C-alpha atoms as a PDB file:
ATOM      1  CA  MET A   1      62.419  29.502 138.501  1.00  0.00           C
ATOM      2  CA  ALA A   2      61.936  33.231 137.954  1.00  0.00           C
ATOM      3  CA  PHE A   3      63.696  35.181 135.205  1.00  0.00           C
ATOM      4  CA  ASP A   4      63.168  38.546 133.556  1.00  0.00           C
ATOM      5  CA  ILE A   5      64.303  38.371 129.920  1.00  0.00           C
ATOM      6  CA  ILE A   6      65.217  41.929 128.892  1.00  0.00           C
ATOM      7  CA  GLY A   7      65.359  43.163 125.307  1.00  0.00           C
ATOM      8  CA  ASP A   8      67.992  44.966 123.238  1.00  0.00           C
ATOM      9  CA  ILE A   9      69.078  48.072 125.177  1.00  0.00           C
ATOM     10  CA  HIS A  10      71.400  49.771 122.664  1.00  0.00           C
ATOM     11  CA  GLY A  11      72.817  52.146 125.255  1.00  0.00           C
ATOM     12  CA  HIS A  12      69.501  53.469 126.577  1.00  0.00           C
ATOM     13  CA  ALA A  13      70.479  53.466 130.238  1.00  0.00           C
ATOM     14  CA  ASP A  14      67.587  55.633 131.476  1.00  0.00           C
ATOM     15  CA  GLN A  15      65.041  53.211 130.067  1.00  0.00           C
ATOM     16  CA  LEU A  16      66.962  50.272 131.516  1.00  0.00           C
ATOM     17  CA  GLU A  17      66.951  51.736 135.024  1.00  0.00           C
ATOM     18  CA  ALA A  18      63.253  52.568 134.703  1.00  0.00           C
ATOM     19  CA  LEU A  19      62.451  49.019 133.574  1.00  0.00           C
ATOM     20  CA  LEU A  20      64.495  47.395 136.342  1.00  0.00           C
ATOM     21  CA  GLY A  21      62.727  49.583 138.892  1.00  0.00           C
ATOM     22  CA  LYS A  22      59.329  48.621 137.527  1.00  0.00           C
ATOM     23  CA  LEU A  23      60.307  44.937 137.682  1.00  0.00           C
ATOM     24  CA  GLY A  24      61.191  45.254 141.366  1.00  0.00           C
ATOM     25  CA  TYR A  25      64.999  45.475 141.130  1.00  0.00           C
ATOM     26  CA  ALA A  26      66.904  47.991 143.264  1.00  0.00           C
ATOM     27  CA  ALA A  27      70.521  49.122 143.467  1.00  0.00           C
ATOM     28  CA  SER A  28      72.295  47.499 146.424  1.00  0.00           C
ATOM     29  CA  ASN A  29      75.996  46.911 147.140  1.00  0.00           C
ATOM     30  CA  GLY A  30      77.065  48.101 143.716  1.00  0.00           C
ATOM     31  CA  ALA A  31      74.525  46.250 141.551  1.00  0.00           C
ATOM     32  CA  TRP A  32      70.824  46.134 140.774  1.00  0.00           C
ATOM     33  CA  ARG A  33      69.244  43.107 142.445  1.00  0.00           C
ATOM     34  CA  HIS A  34      65.901  41.426 142.963  1.00  0.00           C
ATOM     35  CA  PRO A  35      65.153  39.300 146.032  1.00  0.00           C
ATOM     36  CA  ASP A  36      63.592  36.474 144.009  1.00  0.00           C
ATOM     37  CA  ARG A  37      64.394  36.910 140.319  1.00  0.00           C
ATOM     38  CA  THR A  38      67.334  36.974 137.881  1.00  0.00           C
ATOM     39  CA  ALA A  39      67.572  39.198 134.812  1.00  0.00           C
ATOM     40  CA  ILE A  40      68.776  37.843 131.466  1.00  0.00           C
ATOM     41  CA  PHE A  41      69.874  40.271 128.753  1.00  0.00           C
ATOM     42  CA  VAL A  42      69.441  39.103 125.149  1.00  0.00           C
ATOM     43  CA  GLY A  43      72.410  41.084 123.764  1.00  0.00           C
ATOM     44  CA  ASP A  44      72.830  44.289 121.754  1.00  0.00           C
ATOM     45  CA  LEU A  45      73.741  46.259 124.844  1.00  0.00           C
ATOM     46  CA  ILE A  46      75.639  48.845 122.761  1.00  0.00           C
ATOM     47  CA  ASP A  47      75.444  51.262 119.791  1.00  0.00           C
ATOM     48  CA  ARG A  48      72.867  53.922 118.940  1.00  0.00           C
ATOM     49  CA  GLY A  49      71.808  55.235 122.377  1.00  0.00           C
ATOM     50  CA  PRO A  50      73.126  58.059 124.625  1.00  0.00           C
ATOM     51  CA  GLY A  51      74.181  55.949 127.646  1.00  0.00           C
ATOM     52  CA  GLN A  52      76.663  53.376 126.393  1.00  0.00           C
ATOM     53  CA  LEU A  53      78.978  53.193 129.405  1.00  0.00           C
ATOM     54  CA  ARG A  54      76.176  53.524 131.960  1.00  0.00           C
ATOM     55  CA  THR A  55      74.419  50.591 130.326  1.00  0.00           C
ATOM     56  CA  LEU A  56      77.546  48.457 130.175  1.00  0.00           C
ATOM     57  CA  ARG A  57      78.612  49.169 133.742  1.00  0.00           C
ATOM     58  CA  LEU A  58      75.125  48.446 135.065  1.00  0.00           C
ATOM     59  CA  VAL A  59      74.795  45.149 133.163  1.00  0.00           C
ATOM     60  CA  ARG A  60      78.328  43.989 133.954  1.00  0.00           C
ATOM     61  CA  ALA A  61      77.888  44.760 137.656  1.00  0.00           C
ATOM     62  CA  MET A  62      74.702  42.684 137.694  1.00  0.00           C
ATOM     63  CA  VAL A  63      76.365  39.784 135.890  1.00  0.00           C
ATOM     64  CA  GLU A  64      79.345  39.810 138.236  1.00  0.00           C
ATOM     65  CA  ALA A  65      77.031  40.045 141.264  1.00  0.00           C
ATOM     66  CA  GLY A  66      75.003  37.047 140.066  1.00  0.00           C
ATOM     67  CA  SER A  67      71.777  39.036 139.704  1.00  0.00           C
ATOM     68  CA  ALA A  68      71.837  38.806 135.898  1.00  0.00           C
ATOM     69  CA  ARG A  69      73.146  36.835 132.943  1.00  0.00           C
ATOM     70  CA  ALA A  70      73.741  38.070 129.398  1.00  0.00           C
ATOM     71  CA  VAL A  71      74.255  36.585 125.942  1.00  0.00           C
ATOM     72  CA  MET A  72      76.102  38.055 122.977  1.00  0.00           C
ATOM     73  CA  GLY A  73      74.257  40.098 120.384  1.00  0.00           C
ATOM     74  CA  ASN A  74      75.405  40.831 116.860  1.00  0.00           C
ATOM     75  CA  HIS A  75      76.477  44.334 117.973  1.00  0.00           C
ATOM     76  CA  GLU A  76      78.871  42.903 120.561  1.00  0.00           C
ATOM     77  CA  LEU A  77      80.276  40.567 117.899  1.00  0.00           C
ATOM     78  CA  ASN A  78      80.589  43.559 115.566  1.00  0.00           C
ATOM     79  CA  ALA A  79      82.491  45.466 118.256  1.00  0.00           C
ATOM     80  CA  ILE A  80      84.953  42.591 118.645  1.00  0.00           C
ATOM     81  CA  GLY A  81      85.512  42.484 114.888  1.00  0.00           C
ATOM     82  CA  TRP A  82      86.000  46.260 114.702  1.00  0.00           C
ATOM     83  CA  ALA A  83      88.695  46.129 117.400  1.00  0.00           C
ATOM     84  CA  THR A  84      90.515  42.973 116.258  1.00  0.00           C
ATOM     85  CA  SER A  85      93.241  43.063 113.613  1.00  0.00           C
ATOM     86  CA  ASP A  86      93.175  40.281 111.037  1.00  0.00           C
ATOM     87  CA  PRO A  87      96.111  37.904 111.674  1.00  0.00           C
ATOM     88  CA  ASP A  88      96.209  37.158 107.948  1.00  0.00           C
ATOM     89  CA  ALA A  89      96.350  40.886 107.078  1.00  0.00           C
ATOM     90  CA  PRO A  90      97.632  42.827 110.122  1.00  0.00           C
ATOM     91  CA  ASP A  91      96.907  46.230 108.547  1.00  0.00           C
ATOM     92  CA  LEU A  92      93.219  45.330 108.336  1.00  0.00           C
ATOM     93  CA  TYR A  93      90.546  44.447 110.898  1.00  0.00           C
ATOM     94  CA  LEU A  94      88.075  41.588 110.993  1.00  0.00           C
ATOM     95  CA  ARG A  95      85.238  44.089 110.545  1.00  0.00           C
ATOM     96  CA  PRO A  96      86.130  46.549 107.764  1.00  0.00           C
ATOM     97  CA  ARG A  97      87.003  50.108 108.777  1.00  0.00           C
ATOM     98  CA  HIS A  98      87.611  51.624 105.337  1.00  0.00           C
ATOM     99  CA  GLY A  99      85.672  52.220 102.143  1.00  0.00           C
ATOM    100  CA  PRO A 100      81.864  52.440 101.870  1.00  0.00           C
ATOM    101  CA  LYS A 101      81.378  49.330 103.997  1.00  0.00           C
ATOM    102  CA  GLY A 102      83.733  50.686 106.630  1.00  0.00           C
ATOM    103  CA  GLN A 103      81.816  53.968 106.761  1.00  0.00           C
ATOM    104  CA  LYS A 104      78.549  52.080 107.228  1.00  0.00           C
ATOM    105  CA  ASN A 105      80.130  50.084 110.059  1.00  0.00           C
ATOM    106  CA  LEU A 106      81.475  53.257 111.687  1.00  0.00           C
ATOM    107  CA  ASN A 107      78.099  54.997 111.543  1.00  0.00           C
ATOM    108  CA  GLN A 108      76.488  52.028 113.285  1.00  0.00           C
ATOM    109  CA  HIS A 109      79.224  51.826 115.922  1.00  0.00           C
ATOM    110  CA  GLN A 110      79.895  55.539 116.509  1.00  0.00           C
ATOM    111  CA  ALA A 111      77.952  55.999 119.761  1.00  0.00           C
ATOM    112  CA  PHE A 112      79.970  53.266 121.486  1.00  0.00           C
ATOM    113  CA  LEU A 113      83.327  54.453 120.118  1.00  0.00           C
ATOM    114  CA  THR A 114      82.635  58.057 121.107  1.00  0.00           C
ATOM    115  CA  GLU A 115      82.066  57.121 124.747  1.00  0.00           C
ATOM    116  CA  VAL A 116      84.852  54.592 125.224  1.00  0.00           C
ATOM    117  CA  GLY A 117      87.476  56.305 123.064  1.00  0.00           C
ATOM    118  CA  PRO A 118      88.775  54.199 120.159  1.00  0.00           C
ATOM    119  CA  GLU A 119      91.815  52.081 121.016  1.00  0.00           C
ATOM    120  CA  SER A 120      91.755  53.223 124.652  1.00  0.00           C
ATOM    121  CA  ASP A 121      92.339  50.938 127.639  1.00  0.00           C
ATOM    122  CA  GLU A 122      88.628  51.211 128.396  1.00  0.00           C
ATOM    123  CA  HIS A 123      87.778  50.199 124.836  1.00  0.00           C
ATOM    124  CA  ARG A 124      90.002  47.130 125.079  1.00  0.00           C
ATOM    125  CA  SER A 125      88.556  46.226 128.487  1.00  0.00           C
ATOM    126  CA  TRP A 126      85.019  46.152 127.100  1.00  0.00           C
ATOM    127  CA  ILE A 127      86.062  44.143 124.058  1.00  0.00           C
ATOM    128  CA  ASP A 128      87.640  41.585 126.390  1.00  0.00           C
ATOM    129  CA  TRP A 129      84.399  41.421 128.376  1.00  0.00           C
ATOM    130  CA  PHE A 130      82.299  40.989 125.236  1.00  0.00           C
ATOM    131  CA  LYS A 131      84.424  37.942 124.434  1.00  0.00           C
ATOM    132  CA  THR A 132      83.222  36.294 127.664  1.00  0.00           C
ATOM    133  CA  LEU A 133      79.547  36.530 126.691  1.00  0.00           C
ATOM    134  CA  PRO A 134      78.020  33.174 125.756  1.00  0.00           C
ATOM    135  CA  LEU A 135      76.299  32.805 122.416  1.00  0.00           C
ATOM    136  CA  TRP A 136      73.286  31.293 124.129  1.00  0.00           C
ATOM    137  CA  ILE A 137      71.847  30.094 127.418  1.00  0.00           C
ATOM    138  CA  GLU A 138      70.219  26.669 127.397  1.00  0.00           C
ATOM    139  CA  THR A 139      68.507  24.865 130.263  1.00  0.00           C
ATOM    140  CA  GLU A 140      66.014  22.012 130.379  1.00  0.00           C
ATOM    141  CA  ALA A 141      63.246  24.601 130.786  1.00  0.00           C
ATOM    142  CA  PHE A 142      64.152  27.421 128.357  1.00  0.00           C
ATOM    143  CA  ARG A 143      66.681  28.954 125.970  1.00  0.00           C
ATOM    144  CA  VAL A 144      67.926  32.492 125.291  1.00  0.00           C
ATOM    145  CA  VAL A 145      69.705  33.416 122.051  1.00  0.00           C
ATOM    146  CA  HIS A 146      69.947  36.774 120.329  1.00  0.00           C
ATOM    147  CA  ALA A 147      68.128  36.028 117.061  1.00  0.00           C
ATOM    148  CA  CYS A 148      67.459  32.376 116.228  1.00  0.00           C
ATOM    149  CA  TRP A 149      67.647  28.949 117.821  1.00  0.00           C
ATOM    150  CA  ASP A 150      68.729  26.679 114.981  1.00  0.00           C
ATOM    151  CA  PRO A 151      69.919  23.253 116.195  1.00  0.00           C
ATOM    152  CA  ALA A 152      72.060  22.695 113.086  1.00  0.00           C
ATOM    153  CA  SER A 153      73.900  26.003 113.582  1.00  0.00           C
ATOM    154  CA  VAL A 154      74.322  25.278 117.286  1.00  0.00           C
ATOM    155  CA  GLU A 155      76.087  22.001 116.541  1.00  0.00           C
ATOM    156  CA  ILE A 156      78.424  23.676 114.043  1.00  0.00           C
ATOM    157  CA  VAL A 157      79.415  26.325 116.588  1.00  0.00           C
ATOM    158  CA  ARG A 158      79.560  24.163 119.706  1.00  0.00           C
ATOM    159  CA  PRO A 159      83.157  22.878 119.150  1.00  0.00           C
ATOM    160  CA  TYR A 160      84.313  26.515 118.994  1.00  0.00           C
ATOM    161  CA  LEU A 161      83.003  27.508 122.414  1.00  0.00           C
ATOM    162  CA  LYS A 162      84.951  28.127 125.610  1.00  0.00           C
ATOM    163  CA  PRO A 163      83.679  26.728 128.921  1.00  0.00           C
ATOM    164  CA  ASP A 164      81.882  30.037 129.593  1.00  0.00           C
ATOM    165  CA  GLY A 165      79.991  29.682 126.301  1.00  0.00           C
ATOM    166  CA  GLY A 166      81.842  32.450 124.465  1.00  0.00           C
ATOM    167  CA  LEU A 167      83.623  31.889 121.180  1.00  0.00           C
ATOM    168  CA  THR A 168      87.232  30.719 121.243  1.00  0.00           C
ATOM    169  CA  GLU A 169      89.800  32.791 119.340  1.00  0.00           C
ATOM    170  CA  ALA A 170      89.565  30.270 116.496  1.00  0.00           C
ATOM    171  CA  GLY A 171      85.793  30.601 116.584  1.00  0.00           C
ATOM    172  CA  LEU A 172      85.951  34.398 116.449  1.00  0.00           C
ATOM    173  CA  LEU A 173      88.229  34.285 113.424  1.00  0.00           C
ATOM    174  CA  ALA A 174      86.030  31.715 111.705  1.00  0.00           C
ATOM    175  CA  ALA A 175      82.969  33.894 112.383  1.00  0.00           C
ATOM    176  CA  TYR A 176      84.530  36.550 110.129  1.00  0.00           C
ATOM    177  CA  ARG A 177      85.763  34.284 107.313  1.00  0.00           C
ATOM    178  CA  PRO A 178      83.496  34.387 104.229  1.00  0.00           C
ATOM    179  CA  GLY A 179      82.371  30.908 103.288  1.00  0.00           C
ATOM    180  CA  ASP A 180      83.305  29.354 106.612  1.00  0.00           C
ATOM    181  CA  PRO A 181      80.491  27.199 108.062  1.00  0.00           C
ATOM    182  CA  VAL A 182      81.074  28.786 111.482  1.00  0.00           C
ATOM    183  CA  ARG A 183      80.446  32.230 110.032  1.00  0.00           C
ATOM    184  CA  SER A 184      77.186  31.105 108.486  1.00  0.00           C
ATOM    185  CA  ALA A 185      76.101  29.428 111.729  1.00  0.00           C
ATOM    186  CA  VAL A 186      76.971  32.422 113.919  1.00  0.00           C
ATOM    187  CA  ASP A 187      75.126  34.709 111.509  1.00  0.00           C
ATOM    188  CA  VAL A 188      72.001  32.577 111.861  1.00  0.00           C
ATOM    189  CA  LEU A 189      72.204  32.562 115.668  1.00  0.00           C
ATOM    190  CA  LEU A 190      72.938  36.284 116.085  1.00  0.00           C
ATOM    191  CA  LYS A 191      71.235  37.823 113.035  1.00  0.00           C
ATOM    192  CA  GLY A 192      68.616  35.276 112.001  1.00  0.00           C
ATOM    193  CA  PRO A 193      68.297  33.226 108.819  1.00  0.00           C
ATOM    194  CA  GLU A 194      67.986  35.058 105.520  1.00  0.00           C
ATOM    195  CA  VAL A 195      66.601  34.080 102.128  1.00  0.00           C
ATOM    196  CA  LYS A 196      67.582  35.729  98.825  1.00  0.00           C
ATOM    197  CA  LEU A 197      64.726  37.510  97.070  1.00  0.00           C
ATOM    198  CA  PRO A 198      63.912  36.699  93.437  1.00  0.00           C
ATOM    199  CA  GLN A 199      66.148  38.422  90.916  1.00  0.00           C
ATOM    200  CA  GLY A 200      65.361  42.135  90.656  1.00  0.00           C
ATOM    201  CA  ALA A 201      63.533  42.353  93.999  1.00  0.00           C
ATOM    202  CA  ALA A 202      64.947  44.482  96.839  1.00  0.00           C
ATOM    203  CA  PHE A 203      63.886  46.750  99.707  1.00  0.00           C
ATOM    204  CA  THR A 204      65.407  49.483 101.904  1.00  0.00           C
ATOM    205  CA  ASP A 205      66.007  48.607 105.568  1.00  0.00           C
ATOM    206  CA  LYS A 206      65.653  50.786 108.682  1.00  0.00           C
ATOM    207  CA  ASP A 207      69.144  52.259 108.181  1.00  0.00           C
ATOM    208  CA  GLY A 208      68.600  53.130 104.527  1.00  0.00           C
ATOM    209  CA  HIS A 209      70.549  50.195 103.070  1.00  0.00           C
ATOM    210  CA  VAL A 210      69.211  48.343 100.035  1.00  0.00           C
ATOM    211  CA  ARG A 211      68.700  44.665 100.805  1.00  0.00           C
ATOM    212  CA  HIS A 212      68.315  41.747  98.412  1.00  0.00           C
ATOM    213  CA  GLU A 213      67.627  39.198 101.179  1.00  0.00           C
ATOM    214  CA  ILE A 214      64.881  38.990 103.765  1.00  0.00           C
ATOM    215  CA  ARG A 215      65.009  37.873 107.359  1.00  0.00           C
ATOM    216  CA  THR A 216      62.487  35.136 107.906  1.00  0.00           C
ATOM    217  CA  ARG A 217      60.015  34.133 110.591  1.00  0.00           C
ATOM    218  CA  TRP A 218      61.992  31.014 111.441  1.00  0.00           C
ATOM    219  CA  TRP A 219      59.665  30.237 114.353  1.00  0.00           C
ATOM    220  CA  SER A 220      56.896  29.514 111.798  1.00  0.00           C
ATOM    221  CA  PRO A 221      58.491  26.835 109.600  1.00  0.00           C
ATOM    222  CA  ARG A 222      55.335  26.114 107.644  1.00  0.00           C
ATOM    223  CA  LEU A 223      55.424  29.519 105.911  1.00  0.00           C
ATOM    224  CA  SER A 224      56.293  29.023 102.263  1.00  0.00           C
ATOM    225  CA  THR A 225      56.100  32.361 100.389  1.00  0.00           C
ATOM    226  CA  TYR A 226      58.481  35.311 100.613  1.00  0.00           C
ATOM    227  CA  ARG A 227      55.721  37.618 101.853  1.00  0.00           C
ATOM    228  CA  GLU A 228      54.556  35.181 104.534  1.00  0.00           C
ATOM    229  CA  ALA A 229      58.105  34.540 105.730  1.00  0.00           C
ATOM    230  CA  TYR A 230      59.299  38.167 105.769  1.00  0.00           C
ATOM    231  CA  ILE A 231      59.949  40.065 108.990  1.00  0.00           C
ATOM    232  CA  GLY A 232      61.290  43.608 108.838  1.00  0.00           C
ATOM    233  CA  PRO A 233      60.269  47.204 108.071  1.00  0.00           C
ATOM    234  CA  GLU A 234      56.573  47.684 107.451  1.00  0.00           C
ATOM    235  CA  GLY A 235      55.245  48.906 104.122  1.00  0.00           C
ATOM    236  CA  VAL A 236      57.781  46.926 102.101  1.00  0.00           C
ATOM    237  CA  ASP A 237      56.623  45.260  98.892  1.00  0.00           C
ATOM    238  CA  ILE A 238      57.765  41.648  99.237  1.00  0.00           C
ATOM    239  CA  PRO A 239      56.867  39.258  96.372  1.00  0.00           C
ATOM    240  CA  ASP A 240      53.989  36.925  97.147  1.00  0.00           C
ATOM    241  CA  MET A 241      55.794  34.028  95.476  1.00  0.00           C
ATOM    242  CA  PRO A 242      56.746  30.565  96.746  1.00  0.00           C
ATOM    243  CA  MET A 243      60.223  30.362  98.214  1.00  0.00           C
ATOM    244  CA  PRO A 244      62.483  27.705  96.656  1.00  0.00           C
ATOM    245  CA  THR A 245      62.658  25.910 100.005  1.00  0.00           C
ATOM    246  CA  ALA A 246      60.664  26.301 103.189  1.00  0.00           C
ATOM    247  CA  SER A 247      62.436  26.891 106.480  1.00  0.00           C
ATOM    248  CA  GLN A 248      64.391  23.889 107.743  1.00  0.00           C
ATOM    249  CA  ILE A 249      64.496  25.133 111.342  1.00  0.00           C
ATOM    250  CA  PRO A 250      62.297  23.023 113.645  1.00  0.00           C
ATOM    251  CA  GLU A 251      59.856  24.643 116.009  1.00  0.00           C
ATOM    252  CA  PRO A 252      61.450  25.060 119.455  1.00  0.00           C
ATOM    253  CA  ASP A 253      60.714  22.292 121.936  1.00  0.00           C
ATOM    254  CA  ARG A 254      60.799  24.625 124.960  1.00  0.00           C
ATOM    255  CA  PRO A 255      60.330  28.369 125.636  1.00  0.00           C
ATOM    256  CA  THR A 256      62.873  30.328 123.593  1.00  0.00           C
ATOM    257  CA  PHE A 257      63.597  34.036 124.044  1.00  0.00           C
ATOM    258  CA  ILE A 258      65.110  36.291 121.396  1.00  0.00           C
ATOM    259  CA  GLY A 259      65.680  39.977 120.644  1.00  0.00           C
ATOM    260  CA  HIS A 260      66.999  41.550 117.426  1.00  0.00           C
ATOM    261  CA  TYR A 261      63.855  41.977 115.348  1.00  0.00           C
ATOM    262  CA  TRP A 262      62.761  45.572 116.049  1.00  0.00           C
ATOM    263  CA  LEU A 263      59.103  44.727 116.637  1.00  0.00           C
ATOM    264  CA  ASN A 264      56.492  47.460 116.394  1.00  0.00           C
ATOM    265  CA  PRO A 265      56.070  49.090 119.827  1.00  0.00           C
ATOM    266  CA  SER A 266      52.581  50.344 118.957  1.00  0.00           C
ATOM    267  CA  GLU A 267      51.266  46.800 118.705  1.00  0.00           C
ATOM    268  CA  PRO A 268      50.225  44.860 121.838  1.00  0.00           C
ATOM    269  CA  PRO A 269      53.112  42.586 122.842  1.00  0.00           C
ATOM    270  CA  ARG A 270      52.489  38.894 122.463  1.00  0.00           C
ATOM    271  CA  PRO A 271      54.507  35.721 121.869  1.00  0.00           C
ATOM    272  CA  LEU A 272      55.529  35.067 118.279  1.00  0.00           C
ATOM    273  CA  ALA A 273      54.652  31.398 118.749  1.00  0.00           C
ATOM    274  CA  PRO A 274      53.547  29.297 121.717  1.00  0.00           C
ATOM    275  CA  ARG A 275      57.198  28.790 122.702  1.00  0.00           C
ATOM    276  CA  VAL A 276      58.924  31.855 121.175  1.00  0.00           C
ATOM    277  CA  ALA A 277      58.948  35.405 122.538  1.00  0.00           C
ATOM    278  CA  CYS A 278      60.847  38.392 121.149  1.00  0.00           C
ATOM    279  CA  VAL A 279      61.619  41.178 123.635  1.00  0.00           C
ATOM    280  CA  ASP A 280      63.034  43.753 121.183  1.00  0.00           C
ATOM    281  CA  TYR A 281      60.442  46.500 120.807  1.00  0.00           C
ATOM    282  CA  SER A 282      62.679  49.110 119.166  1.00  0.00           C
ATOM    283  CA  VAL A 283      63.823  51.249 122.082  1.00  0.00           C
ATOM    284  CA  ALA A 284      66.651  52.566 119.853  1.00  0.00           C
ATOM    285  CA  LYS A 285      64.062  54.054 117.483  1.00  0.00           C
ATOM    286  CA  GLY A 286      61.858  55.682 120.108  1.00  0.00           C
ATOM    287  CA  GLY A 287      60.035  52.482 121.023  1.00  0.00           C
ATOM    288  CA  ARG A 288      59.901  50.712 124.376  1.00  0.00           C
ATOM    289  CA  LEU A 289      62.366  48.674 126.382  1.00  0.00           C
ATOM    290  CA  GLY A 290      60.583  45.520 127.357  1.00  0.00           C
ATOM    291  CA  ALA A 291      60.954  42.239 129.183  1.00  0.00           C
ATOM    292  CA  TYR A 292      59.231  38.906 129.541  1.00  0.00           C
ATOM    293  CA  ARG A 293      58.672  37.709 133.118  1.00  0.00           C
ATOM    294  CA  PHE A 294      59.273  33.967 132.860  1.00  0.00           C
ATOM    295  CA  ASN A 295      58.138  31.709 135.692  1.00  0.00           C
ATOM    296  CA  GLY A 296      58.708  28.286 134.161  1.00  0.00           C
ATOM    297  CA  GLU A 297      55.572  28.033 132.024  1.00  0.00           C
ATOM    298  CA  THR A 298      55.775  25.663 129.064  1.00  0.00           C
ATOM    299  CA  GLU A 299      53.776  27.970 126.773  1.00  0.00           C
ATOM    300  CA  LEU A 300      54.316  31.730 126.728  1.00  0.00           C
ATOM    301  CA  VAL A 301      51.541  34.259 127.328  1.00  0.00           C
ATOM    302  CA  ALA A 302      50.993  37.940 126.493  1.00  0.00           C
ATOM    303  CA  PRO A 303      50.320  39.151 130.077  1.00  0.00           C
ATOM    304  CA  SER A 304      53.895  38.240 131.064  1.00  0.00           C
ATOM    305  CA  PHE A 305      55.391  41.089 128.993  1.00  0.00           C
ATOM    306  CA  ALA A 306      56.417  44.197 130.927  1.00  0.00           C
ATOM    307  CA  TRP A 307      57.538  47.691 129.907  1.00  0.00           C
ATOM    308  CA  ALA A 308      59.475  50.665 131.222  1.00  0.00           C
END
């Protein structure tokens, strides 16, 4: 059992090729391959970076060659929503395109749209491929999910999965319906659980948006105050007050790999918990593209991280 779990790429193809080379992969017969190992991508292949199509073509070629696997990130789900008209309102899309929210969505998605050409055949082809990506990978030895492994959310979503692990059409629609349990569950899996801050408290995120909720360190369920539980931009004043309820997500029972959380690339990489490792070290903000070299160990260790 030998896997290289690779973090959020966000269209940074040069860094991806450099990392694969460092990990011992080489281009052969149309795809990057390793003689003894398989790559697993944690999602967020697109948006932000300068090499959207190069990244996608490289990853897809590896997946189709059997030298890699990939799960869906929230940016791939966002891309599907941007491209999919709402059957209940055909003039609108599942992910808003108009108004202030639509402008925010466009800004986030612009790098991908610029390269593929909105509404083009190539655009549609990539959206169709994103729909094949599973929401998670689960084996007896490990799991990979973009942001959070929450057993309760998994069970809500499971009836809405195709045999390949991607969302069914009904599941995709439900994932965009406010108040639908599937939407809430998919949000937890692909974006992480959030907790509302006390009234009047807020902070500004990495993209300049004011937030009234915090993402939480779900892998540490014993944390009980907002400040202890918070994960996000540094230097943010989070109230040091008890949360109304502690996290209900159990600690993972096997190694679990995630991305999504924009960890600080200046800090030495290390597991977040004995059985949780995040491989997103902010390459889209000038950080590093990283990986965890997993060889079947039951507890994760810092020396197994690797960098471009």
